[in-house]
Amino acid sequence: MDAQQATVAKLVSTSADRMSGLIDDIMDFARGRLGDGMTLARNFVQLDPFLTQVIDELRSTWPTRTIKAEVSLLDAVYCDPGRLSQMLSNLLANALIHGATEGPVFIRAFCQNGVFELSVSNTGDPIATADIARLFQPFTRDEVRPCRSGLGLGLYIASEIARAHGGQLHATSTADETRFTFRMPV
């Protein structure tokens, strides 16, 4: 392939991946709303490599952004690593899209006192307090923060993944930082 063909092939591949992601989101939404909720394949796993892979993928997609990560998980976590990777991907992508472009995004993952915690934070304009509760409802993206891409299902799906793991996903937002925090019992 010449350079132009390679560029077109990459665009087609990226578009296909994005469409596949949208279809997966709709399927997760349907399962969560119409079925028995989110399905999990839980095992005791070393979660570090799964989370690090997501972080590395998004670093390569957003090479001009600073992504700082502190992942210190010494023990195995009983979870569905694919679903927690999906949650991190949704939260990190949102932070990169909606956060201040000049500010870093921070990811922290650790276990303490029998609780696994994963958080993603960024700087930028704060989310209004009245909008925080609606963030985890499906299809509310344009009502809270207009954006050109996505269906407004990412945070809803992330909260469903949290709930399926017996945990909770919370958001806080101030002038200094917006932070999404997932906690679940280990």
N, C-alpha and C. Protein backbone atom coordinates (compact mmCIF):
# COMPACT_ATOMS: atom_id res chain seq x y z
N MET A 1 0.84 -1.19 0.00
CA MET A 1 0.00 0.00 0.00
C MET A 1 0.88 1.24 0.00
N ASP A 2 0.41 2.24 -0.72
CA ASP A 2 1.12 3.51 -0.64
C ASP A 2 0.60 4.28 0.58
N ALA A 3 1.15 5.45 0.85
CA ALA A 3 0.82 6.23 2.05
C ALA A 3 -0.66 6.61 2.10
N GLN A 4 -1.21 7.02 0.95
CA GLN A 4 -2.62 7.43 0.94
C GLN A 4 -3.53 6.23 1.22
N GLN A 5 -3.24 5.09 0.64
CA GLN A 5 -4.04 3.89 0.88
C GLN A 5 -3.94 3.46 2.34
N ALA A 6 -2.75 3.56 2.92
CA ALA A 6 -2.57 3.20 4.32
C ALA A 6 -3.38 4.12 5.22
N THR A 7 -3.43 5.41 4.89
CA THR A 7 -4.22 6.38 5.67
C THR A 7 -5.70 6.05 5.58
N VAL A 8 -6.18 5.74 4.39
CA VAL A 8 -7.59 5.39 4.21
C VAL A 8 -7.91 4.09 4.96
N ALA A 9 -7.03 3.11 4.87
CA ALA A 9 -7.24 1.84 5.57
C ALA A 9 -7.31 2.05 7.07
N LYS A 10 -6.46 2.91 7.61
CA LYS A 10 -6.47 3.21 9.04
C LYS A 10 -7.77 3.90 9.43
N LEU A 11 -8.25 4.84 8.61
CA LEU A 11 -9.52 5.52 8.88
C LEU A 11 -10.69 4.54 8.88
N VAL A 12 -10.71 3.63 7.92
CA VAL A 12 -11.77 2.63 7.84
C VAL A 12 -11.72 1.73 9.08
N SER A 13 -10.54 1.30 9.47
CA SER A 13 -10.38 0.45 10.64
C SER A 13 -10.83 1.17 11.91
N THR A 14 -10.43 2.43 12.07
CA THR A 14 -10.82 3.22 13.23
C THR A 14 -12.33 3.40 13.28
N SER A 15 -12.94 3.69 12.13
CA SER A 15 -14.40 3.86 12.07
C SER A 15 -15.11 2.55 12.41
N ALA A 16 -14.60 1.45 11.91
CA ALA A 16 -15.21 0.15 12.22
C ALA A 16 -15.10 -0.15 13.71
N ASP A 17 -13.95 0.15 14.31
CA ASP A 17 -13.78 -0.06 15.76
C ASP A 17 -14.77 0.81 16.54
N ARG A 18 -14.95 2.06 16.13
CA ARG A 18 -15.88 2.96 16.82
C ARG A 18 -17.31 2.46 16.68
N MET A 19 -17.69 2.03 15.49
CA MET A 19 -19.04 1.50 15.29
C MET A 19 -19.25 0.23 16.12
N SER A 20 -18.26 -0.62 16.16
CA SER A 20 -18.34 -1.83 16.97
C SER A 20 -18.53 -1.47 18.44
N GLY A 21 -17.80 -0.46 18.91
CA GLY A 21 -17.95 0.01 20.28
C GLY A 21 -19.34 0.53 20.56
N LEU A 22 -19.91 1.27 19.62
CA LEU A 22 -21.28 1.79 19.79
C LEU A 22 -22.29 0.65 19.86
N ILE A 23 -22.11 -0.35 19.00
CA ILE A 23 -23.01 -1.51 19.02
C ILE A 23 -22.88 -2.26 20.35
N ASP A 24 -21.64 -2.43 20.82
CA ASP A 24 -21.44 -3.08 22.12
C ASP A 24 -22.12 -2.29 23.23
N ASP A 25 -22.03 -0.95 23.18
CA ASP A 25 -22.69 -0.11 24.19
C ASP A 25 -24.20 -0.30 24.17
N ILE A 26 -24.77 -0.34 22.98
CA ILE A 26 -26.22 -0.54 22.87
C ILE A 26 -26.61 -1.91 23.40
N MET A 27 -25.82 -2.93 23.11
CA MET A 27 -26.11 -4.28 23.62
C MET A 27 -26.01 -4.31 25.14
N ASP A 28 -24.98 -3.66 25.71
CA ASP A 28 -24.85 -3.60 27.17
C ASP A 28 -26.03 -2.85 27.78
N PHE A 29 -26.45 -1.77 27.14
CA PHE A 29 -27.59 -1.01 27.61
C PHE A 29 -28.84 -1.90 27.62
N ALA A 30 -29.07 -2.60 26.52
CA ALA A 30 -30.25 -3.47 26.43
C ALA A 30 -30.21 -4.57 27.48
N ARG A 31 -29.05 -5.19 27.67
CA ARG A 31 -28.94 -6.24 28.69
C ARG A 31 -29.21 -5.68 30.08
N GLY A 32 -28.68 -4.48 30.34
CA GLY A 32 -28.87 -3.86 31.64
C GLY A 32 -30.31 -3.47 31.91
N ARG A 33 -31.01 -3.00 30.90
CA ARG A 33 -32.38 -2.52 31.07
C ARG A 33 -33.43 -3.61 30.91
N LEU A 34 -33.19 -4.56 30.03
CA LEU A 34 -34.22 -5.54 29.71
C LEU A 34 -33.95 -6.92 30.28
N GLY A 35 -32.71 -7.21 30.54
CA GLY A 35 -32.35 -8.54 31.01
C GLY A 35 -32.13 -8.57 32.51
N ASP A 36 -31.24 -9.43 32.93
CA ASP A 36 -30.94 -9.59 34.34
C ASP A 36 -29.78 -8.71 34.78
N GLY A 37 -29.46 -7.72 33.99
CA GLY A 37 -28.34 -6.84 34.32
C GLY A 37 -27.08 -7.27 33.60
N MET A 38 -26.02 -6.60 33.92
CA MET A 38 -24.72 -6.83 33.30
C MET A 38 -24.20 -8.22 33.67
N THR A 39 -23.71 -8.97 32.69
CA THR A 39 -23.14 -10.28 32.97
C THR A 39 -21.65 -10.13 33.24
N LEU A 40 -21.16 -10.91 34.19
CA LEU A 40 -19.75 -10.85 34.57
C LEU A 40 -19.13 -12.24 34.48
N ALA A 41 -17.83 -12.25 34.20
CA ALA A 41 -17.02 -13.47 34.26
C ALA A 41 -15.94 -13.20 35.31
N ARG A 42 -16.30 -13.40 36.58
CA ARG A 42 -15.41 -13.04 37.69
C ARG A 42 -14.42 -14.15 38.01
N ASN A 43 -13.19 -13.73 38.30
CA ASN A 43 -12.11 -14.60 38.74
C ASN A 43 -11.20 -13.79 39.63
N PHE A 44 -10.35 -14.48 40.39
CA PHE A 44 -9.29 -13.78 41.10
C PHE A 44 -8.17 -13.52 40.10
N VAL A 45 -7.89 -12.25 39.82
CA VAL A 45 -6.88 -11.89 38.83
C VAL A 45 -5.99 -10.77 39.34
N GLN A 46 -4.77 -10.78 38.81
CA GLN A 46 -3.89 -9.62 39.00
C GLN A 46 -4.39 -8.58 38.01
N LEU A 47 -4.98 -7.54 38.50
CA LEU A 47 -5.67 -6.57 37.66
C LEU A 47 -4.72 -5.56 37.00
N ASP A 48 -3.53 -5.39 37.56
CA ASP A 48 -2.58 -4.39 37.05
C ASP A 48 -2.39 -4.44 35.53
N PRO A 49 -2.10 -5.62 34.94
CA PRO A 49 -1.84 -5.64 33.50
C PRO A 49 -3.05 -5.22 32.67
N PHE A 50 -4.24 -5.53 33.13
CA PHE A 50 -5.46 -5.16 32.39
C PHE A 50 -5.64 -3.64 32.40
N LEU A 51 -5.47 -3.03 33.58
CA LEU A 51 -5.62 -1.58 33.69
C LEU A 51 -4.51 -0.86 32.93
N THR A 52 -3.30 -1.37 33.04
CA THR A 52 -2.16 -0.75 32.35
C THR A 52 -2.34 -0.80 30.84
N GLN A 53 -2.90 -1.89 30.33
CA GLN A 53 -3.14 -2.00 28.88
C GLN A 53 -4.10 -0.91 28.42
N VAL A 54 -5.18 -0.68 29.17
CA VAL A 54 -6.14 0.37 28.81
C VAL A 54 -5.45 1.73 28.81
N ILE A 55 -4.67 1.98 29.85
CA ILE A 55 -3.97 3.27 29.96
C ILE A 55 -3.02 3.45 28.79
N ASP A 56 -2.26 2.41 28.45
CA ASP A 56 -1.32 2.48 27.33
C ASP A 56 -2.05 2.71 26.00
N GLU A 57 -3.19 2.05 25.81
CA GLU A 57 -3.96 2.24 24.57
C GLU A 57 -4.40 3.70 24.44
N LEU A 58 -4.91 4.27 25.52
CA LEU A 58 -5.39 5.65 25.44
C LEU A 58 -4.24 6.65 25.36
N ARG A 59 -3.11 6.31 25.96
CA ARG A 59 -1.93 7.17 25.78
C ARG A 59 -1.52 7.22 24.31
N SER A 60 -1.60 6.08 23.62
CA SER A 60 -1.21 6.07 22.21
C SER A 60 -2.23 6.80 21.35
N THR A 61 -3.50 6.76 21.76
CA THR A 61 -4.55 7.46 21.02
C THR A 61 -4.51 8.96 21.24
N TRP A 62 -4.07 9.39 22.43
CA TRP A 62 -4.00 10.80 22.81
C TRP A 62 -2.54 11.16 23.14
N PRO A 63 -1.64 11.12 22.17
CA PRO A 63 -0.21 11.30 22.46
C PRO A 63 0.16 12.68 23.00
N THR A 64 -0.67 13.69 22.79
CA THR A 64 -0.33 15.03 23.28
C THR A 64 -0.82 15.28 24.70
N ARG A 65 -1.57 14.34 25.26
CA ARG A 65 -2.12 14.51 26.61
C ARG A 65 -1.25 13.81 27.65
N THR A 66 -1.22 14.36 28.84
CA THR A 66 -0.48 13.77 29.95
C THR A 66 -1.44 12.89 30.76
N ILE A 67 -1.11 11.61 30.85
CA ILE A 67 -1.90 10.66 31.64
C ILE A 67 -0.95 10.08 32.68
N LYS A 68 -1.26 10.34 33.95
CA LYS A 68 -0.44 9.84 35.06
C LYS A 68 -1.21 8.73 35.76
N ALA A 69 -0.51 7.63 36.03
CA ALA A 69 -1.18 6.48 36.65
C ALA A 69 -0.40 5.99 37.86
N GLU A 70 -1.15 5.68 38.90
CA GLU A 70 -0.62 5.01 40.10
C GLU A 70 -1.47 3.76 40.30
N VAL A 71 -0.96 2.66 39.81
CA VAL A 71 -1.66 1.39 39.95
C VAL A 71 -0.83 0.52 40.87
N SER A 72 -1.31 0.31 42.11
CA SER A 72 -0.59 -0.54 43.05
C SER A 72 -1.53 -1.57 43.65
N LEU A 73 -1.60 -2.67 42.96
CA LEU A 73 -2.46 -3.77 43.38
C LEU A 73 -1.58 -4.99 43.63
N LEU A 74 -1.28 -5.24 44.89
CA LEU A 74 -0.40 -6.34 45.23
C LEU A 74 -1.13 -7.68 45.23
N ASP A 75 -2.40 -7.65 45.59
CA ASP A 75 -3.18 -8.89 45.68
C ASP A 75 -4.13 -9.04 44.50
N ALA A 76 -4.52 -10.28 44.26
CA ALA A 76 -5.51 -10.55 43.22
C ALA A 76 -6.85 -9.95 43.65
N VAL A 77 -7.63 -9.54 42.66
CA VAL A 77 -8.95 -8.96 42.90
C VAL A 77 -9.98 -9.87 42.26
N TYR A 78 -11.08 -10.15 42.97
CA TYR A 78 -12.15 -10.98 42.44
C TYR A 78 -13.06 -10.09 41.61
N CYS A 79 -12.92 -10.18 40.29
CA CYS A 79 -13.64 -9.27 39.40
C CYS A 79 -13.69 -9.84 37.99
N ASP A 80 -14.38 -9.13 37.13
CA ASP A 80 -14.35 -9.40 35.70
C ASP A 80 -13.37 -8.39 35.12
N PRO A 81 -12.15 -8.80 34.80
CA PRO A 81 -11.14 -7.83 34.34
C PRO A 81 -11.52 -7.14 33.03
N GLY A 82 -12.23 -7.84 32.17
CA GLY A 82 -12.67 -7.21 30.92
C GLY A 82 -13.64 -6.08 31.18
N ARG A 83 -14.58 -6.31 32.09
CA ARG A 83 -15.57 -5.26 32.41
C ARG A 83 -14.92 -4.09 33.14
N LEU A 84 -13.99 -4.37 34.06
CA LEU A 84 -13.32 -3.25 34.74
C LEU A 84 -12.42 -2.48 33.77
N SER A 85 -11.86 -3.18 32.79
CA SER A 85 -11.10 -2.50 31.74
C SER A 85 -12.02 -1.60 30.93
N GLN A 86 -13.21 -2.09 30.62
CA GLN A 86 -14.20 -1.31 29.89
C GLN A 86 -14.60 -0.06 30.70
N MET A 87 -14.80 -0.23 32.01
CA MET A 87 -15.14 0.90 32.86
C MET A 87 -14.02 1.95 32.82
N LEU A 88 -12.78 1.50 33.02
CA LEU A 88 -11.65 2.43 33.00
C LEU A 88 -11.56 3.12 31.65
N SER A 89 -11.73 2.40 30.57
CA SER A 89 -11.67 2.98 29.24
C SER A 89 -12.72 4.08 29.08
N ASN A 90 -13.95 3.82 29.52
CA ASN A 90 -15.00 4.84 29.45
C ASN A 90 -14.66 6.07 30.28
N LEU A 91 -14.21 5.85 31.52
CA LEU A 91 -13.91 6.97 32.41
C LEU A 91 -12.72 7.78 31.91
N LEU A 92 -11.68 7.08 31.46
CA LEU A 92 -10.48 7.77 30.99
C LEU A 92 -10.77 8.53 29.70
N ALA A 93 -11.50 7.93 28.78
CA ALA A 93 -11.86 8.63 27.54
C ALA A 93 -12.68 9.88 27.84
N ASN A 94 -13.63 9.79 28.77
CA ASN A 94 -14.41 10.97 29.16
C ASN A 94 -13.53 12.06 29.73
N ALA A 95 -12.58 11.68 30.58
CA ALA A 95 -11.68 12.67 31.18
C ALA A 95 -10.85 13.36 30.10
N LEU A 96 -10.41 12.60 29.11
CA LEU A 96 -9.61 13.17 28.03
C LEU A 96 -10.45 14.08 27.12
N ILE A 97 -11.67 13.68 26.87
CA ILE A 97 -12.56 14.46 25.99
C ILE A 97 -13.04 15.73 26.67
N HIS A 98 -13.48 15.61 27.93
CA HIS A 98 -14.14 16.72 28.59
C HIS A 98 -13.23 17.54 29.51
N GLY A 99 -12.05 17.02 29.84
CA GLY A 99 -11.14 17.74 30.72
C GLY A 99 -10.36 18.81 29.98
N ALA A 100 -9.67 19.63 30.78
CA ALA A 100 -8.83 20.68 30.21
C ALA A 100 -7.70 20.04 29.40
N THR A 101 -7.52 20.49 28.17
CA THR A 101 -6.51 19.86 27.30
C THR A 101 -5.09 20.07 27.81
N GLU A 102 -4.86 21.13 28.56
CA GLU A 102 -3.51 21.37 29.07
C GLU A 102 -3.26 20.69 30.42
N GLY A 103 -4.31 20.17 31.05
CA GLY A 103 -4.16 19.54 32.36
C GLY A 103 -3.98 18.04 32.25
N PRO A 104 -3.30 17.45 33.23
CA PRO A 104 -3.13 15.99 33.22
C PRO A 104 -4.39 15.27 33.67
N VAL A 105 -4.45 14.00 33.33
CA VAL A 105 -5.49 13.10 33.82
C VAL A 105 -4.78 12.11 34.75
N PHE A 106 -5.37 11.88 35.91
CA PHE A 106 -4.79 10.97 36.90
C PHE A 106 -5.66 9.74 37.05
N ILE A 107 -5.00 8.57 37.09
CA ILE A 107 -5.67 7.31 37.37
C ILE A 107 -5.01 6.73 38.61
N ARG A 108 -5.84 6.29 39.54
CA ARG A 108 -5.33 5.63 40.74
C ARG A 108 -6.10 4.33 40.94
N ALA A 109 -5.39 3.27 41.27
CA ALA A 109 -6.03 1.99 41.56
C ALA A 109 -5.27 1.33 42.71
N PHE A 110 -6.01 0.95 43.75
CA PHE A 110 -5.38 0.32 44.91
C PHE A 110 -6.44 -0.42 45.72
N CYS A 111 -5.97 -1.28 46.62
CA CYS A 111 -6.83 -1.95 47.58
C CYS A 111 -6.39 -1.51 48.97
N GLN A 112 -7.39 -1.22 49.81
CA GLN A 112 -7.09 -0.81 51.17
C GLN A 112 -8.30 -1.16 52.04
N ASN A 113 -8.02 -1.77 53.18
CA ASN A 113 -9.07 -2.13 54.15
C ASN A 113 -10.21 -2.91 53.51
N GLY A 114 -9.87 -3.86 52.65
CA GLY A 114 -10.88 -4.72 52.04
C GLY A 114 -11.70 -4.09 50.94
N VAL A 115 -11.22 -2.95 50.41
CA VAL A 115 -11.95 -2.25 49.36
C VAL A 115 -11.01 -1.99 48.18
N PHE A 116 -11.48 -2.32 46.98
CA PHE A 116 -10.76 -1.96 45.76
C PHE A 116 -11.27 -0.59 45.32
N GLU A 117 -10.35 0.31 44.99
CA GLU A 117 -10.75 1.64 44.53
C GLU A 117 -10.02 1.97 43.23
N LEU A 118 -10.79 2.49 42.29
CA LEU A 118 -10.28 2.95 41.01
C LEU A 118 -10.84 4.35 40.79
N SER A 119 -9.95 5.33 40.54
CA SER A 119 -10.45 6.68 40.29
C SER A 119 -9.75 7.29 39.08
N VAL A 120 -10.49 8.16 38.41
CA VAL A 120 -9.99 8.92 37.27
C VAL A 120 -10.35 10.37 37.53
N SER A 121 -9.36 11.25 37.46
CA SER A 121 -9.64 12.66 37.71
C SER A 121 -8.95 13.53 36.67
N ASN A 122 -9.54 14.70 36.47
CA ASN A 122 -9.01 15.65 35.50
C ASN A 122 -9.35 17.07 35.97
N THR A 123 -8.69 18.04 35.36
CA THR A 123 -9.00 19.44 35.61
C THR A 123 -9.90 19.92 34.49
N GLY A 124 -10.44 21.12 34.66
CA GLY A 124 -11.31 21.70 33.64
C GLY A 124 -12.54 22.29 34.29
N ASP A 125 -13.47 22.70 33.46
CA ASP A 125 -14.70 23.28 33.97
C ASP A 125 -15.45 22.25 34.82
N PRO A 126 -15.92 22.66 36.00
CA PRO A 126 -16.64 21.70 36.85
C PRO A 126 -18.01 21.36 36.28
N ILE A 127 -18.48 20.20 36.64
CA ILE A 127 -19.83 19.76 36.29
C ILE A 127 -20.76 20.32 37.35
N ALA A 128 -21.86 20.92 36.94
CA ALA A 128 -22.81 21.50 37.89
C ALA A 128 -23.33 20.42 38.83
N THR A 129 -23.48 20.78 40.09
CA THR A 129 -23.97 19.84 41.10
C THR A 129 -25.28 19.21 40.69
N ALA A 130 -26.18 19.97 40.11
CA ALA A 130 -27.47 19.44 39.68
C ALA A 130 -27.32 18.39 38.58
N ASP A 131 -26.25 18.45 37.81
CA ASP A 131 -26.04 17.51 36.71
C ASP A 131 -25.34 16.22 37.14
N ILE A 132 -24.67 16.24 38.29
CA ILE A 132 -23.90 15.06 38.73
C ILE A 132 -24.79 13.81 38.79
N ALA A 133 -25.97 13.91 39.39
CA ALA A 133 -26.84 12.74 39.54
C ALA A 133 -27.30 12.20 38.20
N ARG A 134 -27.45 13.06 37.20
CA ARG A 134 -27.93 12.62 35.89
C ARG A 134 -26.84 12.01 35.02
N LEU A 135 -25.58 12.18 35.41
CA LEU A 135 -24.48 11.67 34.58
C LEU A 135 -24.58 10.18 34.30
N PHE A 136 -25.13 9.42 35.26
CA PHE A 136 -25.15 7.97 35.14
C PHE A 136 -26.44 7.44 34.53
N GLN A 137 -27.26 8.35 34.02
CA GLN A 137 -28.48 7.95 33.32
C GLN A 137 -28.18 7.85 31.83
N PRO A 138 -28.82 6.90 31.14
CA PRO A 138 -28.52 6.75 29.71
C PRO A 138 -29.01 7.93 28.88
N PHE A 139 -28.28 8.22 27.83
CA PHE A 139 -28.63 9.22 26.82
C PHE A 139 -28.72 10.65 27.36
N THR A 140 -27.97 10.99 28.40
CA THR A 140 -28.03 12.35 28.95
C THR A 140 -26.81 13.18 28.57
N ARG A 141 -25.93 12.66 27.77
CA ARG A 141 -24.69 13.35 27.42
C ARG A 141 -24.92 14.77 26.96
N ASP A 142 -25.80 14.99 25.98
CA ASP A 142 -26.00 16.33 25.43
C ASP A 142 -26.66 17.29 26.42
N GLU A 143 -27.41 16.75 27.38
CA GLU A 143 -28.04 17.61 28.37
C GLU A 143 -27.02 18.16 29.35
N VAL A 144 -25.99 17.39 29.66
CA VAL A 144 -25.00 17.81 30.65
C VAL A 144 -23.84 18.54 29.98
N ARG A 145 -23.24 17.92 28.98
CA ARG A 145 -22.12 18.52 28.24
C ARG A 145 -22.22 18.11 26.79
N PRO A 146 -22.55 19.06 25.91
CA PRO A 146 -22.64 18.70 24.50
C PRO A 146 -21.32 18.14 23.97
N CYS A 147 -21.43 17.13 23.14
CA CYS A 147 -20.25 16.48 22.56
C CYS A 147 -20.66 15.91 21.21
N ARG A 148 -19.71 15.82 20.32
CA ARG A 148 -20.04 15.35 18.98
C ARG A 148 -20.04 13.84 18.83
N SER A 149 -19.46 13.12 19.76
CA SER A 149 -19.37 11.67 19.56
C SER A 149 -20.04 10.92 20.71
N GLY A 150 -20.39 9.68 20.44
CA GLY A 150 -20.96 8.82 21.46
C GLY A 150 -22.47 8.94 21.56
N LEU A 151 -23.03 8.04 22.35
CA LEU A 151 -24.47 7.99 22.53
C LEU A 151 -24.90 8.47 23.91
N GLY A 152 -23.95 8.74 24.78
CA GLY A 152 -24.32 9.08 26.15
C GLY A 152 -24.58 7.84 26.98
N LEU A 153 -23.94 6.73 26.63
CA LEU A 153 -24.13 5.48 27.37
C LEU A 153 -22.91 5.09 28.21
N GLY A 154 -21.77 5.70 27.97
CA GLY A 154 -20.52 5.28 28.62
C GLY A 154 -20.59 5.30 30.14
N LEU A 155 -21.06 6.41 30.72
CA LEU A 155 -21.13 6.49 32.18
C LEU A 155 -22.23 5.61 32.74
N TYR A 156 -23.32 5.46 32.00
CA TYR A 156 -24.38 4.55 32.42
C TYR A 156 -23.82 3.12 32.48
N ILE A 157 -23.12 2.71 31.44
CA ILE A 157 -22.55 1.36 31.39
C ILE A 157 -21.51 1.19 32.50
N ALA A 158 -20.68 2.21 32.72
CA ALA A 158 -19.70 2.14 33.81
C ALA A 158 -20.40 1.95 35.15
N SER A 159 -21.51 2.65 35.37
CA SER A 159 -22.22 2.50 36.65
C SER A 159 -22.87 1.12 36.76
N GLU A 160 -23.31 0.56 35.64
CA GLU A 160 -23.87 -0.80 35.65
C GLU A 160 -22.79 -1.84 35.94
N ILE A 161 -21.59 -1.62 35.41
CA ILE A 161 -20.46 -2.51 35.71
C ILE A 161 -20.15 -2.45 37.20
N ALA A 162 -20.15 -1.23 37.76
CA ALA A 162 -19.92 -1.06 39.20
C ALA A 162 -20.96 -1.81 40.00
N ARG A 163 -22.23 -1.62 39.65
CA ARG A 163 -23.33 -2.26 40.38
C ARG A 163 -23.23 -3.79 40.28
N ALA A 164 -22.90 -4.31 39.10
CA ALA A 164 -22.78 -5.76 38.92
C ALA A 164 -21.67 -6.35 39.79
N HIS A 165 -20.65 -5.55 40.08
CA HIS A 165 -19.55 -5.97 40.94
C HIS A 165 -19.86 -5.76 42.43
N GLY A 166 -21.06 -5.30 42.75
CA GLY A 166 -21.41 -5.04 44.15
C GLY A 166 -20.80 -3.76 44.67
N GLY A 167 -20.41 -2.88 43.76
CA GLY A 167 -19.79 -1.62 44.15
C GLY A 167 -20.60 -0.43 43.69
N GLN A 168 -19.99 0.73 43.80
CA GLN A 168 -20.65 1.97 43.39
C GLN A 168 -19.66 2.87 42.67
N LEU A 169 -20.19 3.65 41.75
CA LEU A 169 -19.42 4.65 41.01
C LEU A 169 -19.98 6.01 41.38
N HIS A 170 -19.11 6.90 41.86
CA HIS A 170 -19.52 8.24 42.27
C HIS A 170 -18.73 9.28 41.49
N ALA A 171 -19.30 10.46 41.38
CA ALA A 171 -18.61 11.59 40.74
C ALA A 171 -18.64 12.78 41.67
N THR A 172 -17.53 13.51 41.69
CA THR A 172 -17.45 14.79 42.38
C THR A 172 -16.80 15.77 41.41
N SER A 173 -17.19 17.03 41.51
CA SER A 173 -16.63 18.00 40.59
C SER A 173 -16.57 19.37 41.27
N THR A 174 -15.36 19.93 41.29
CA THR A 174 -15.14 21.27 41.84
C THR A 174 -14.33 22.06 40.81
N ALA A 175 -14.04 23.29 41.14
CA ALA A 175 -13.22 24.12 40.26
C ALA A 175 -11.82 23.53 40.11
N ASP A 176 -11.37 22.75 41.10
CA ASP A 176 -10.02 22.16 41.07
C ASP A 176 -9.95 20.84 40.32
N GLU A 177 -11.03 20.05 40.37
CA GLU A 177 -10.94 18.69 39.85
C GLU A 177 -12.32 18.07 39.67
N THR A 178 -12.42 17.23 38.64
CA THR A 178 -13.56 16.33 38.48
C THR A 178 -13.02 14.93 38.66
N ARG A 179 -13.68 14.17 39.55
CA ARG A 179 -13.18 12.81 39.86
C ARG A 179 -14.34 11.81 39.84
N PHE A 180 -14.09 10.70 39.14
CA PHE A 180 -14.99 9.56 39.15
C PHE A 180 -14.30 8.47 39.95
N THR A 181 -14.99 7.95 40.96
CA THR A 181 -14.40 6.95 41.86
C THR A 181 -15.30 5.73 41.93
N PHE A 182 -14.70 4.57 41.67
CA PHE A 182 -15.38 3.27 41.80
C PHE A 182 -14.80 2.58 43.01
N ARG A 183 -15.70 2.07 43.85
CA ARG A 183 -15.28 1.27 45.01
C ARG A 183 -16.12 0.01 45.07
N MET A 184 -15.44 -1.09 45.43
CA MET A 184 -16.15 -2.35 45.64
C MET A 184 -15.43 -3.15 46.69
N PRO A 185 -16.17 -3.99 47.42
CA PRO A 185 -15.49 -4.86 48.40
C PRO A 185 -14.61 -5.86 47.67
N VAL A 186 -13.47 -6.16 48.27
CA VAL A 186 -12.53 -7.09 47.63
C VAL A 186 -13.02 -8.50 47.80
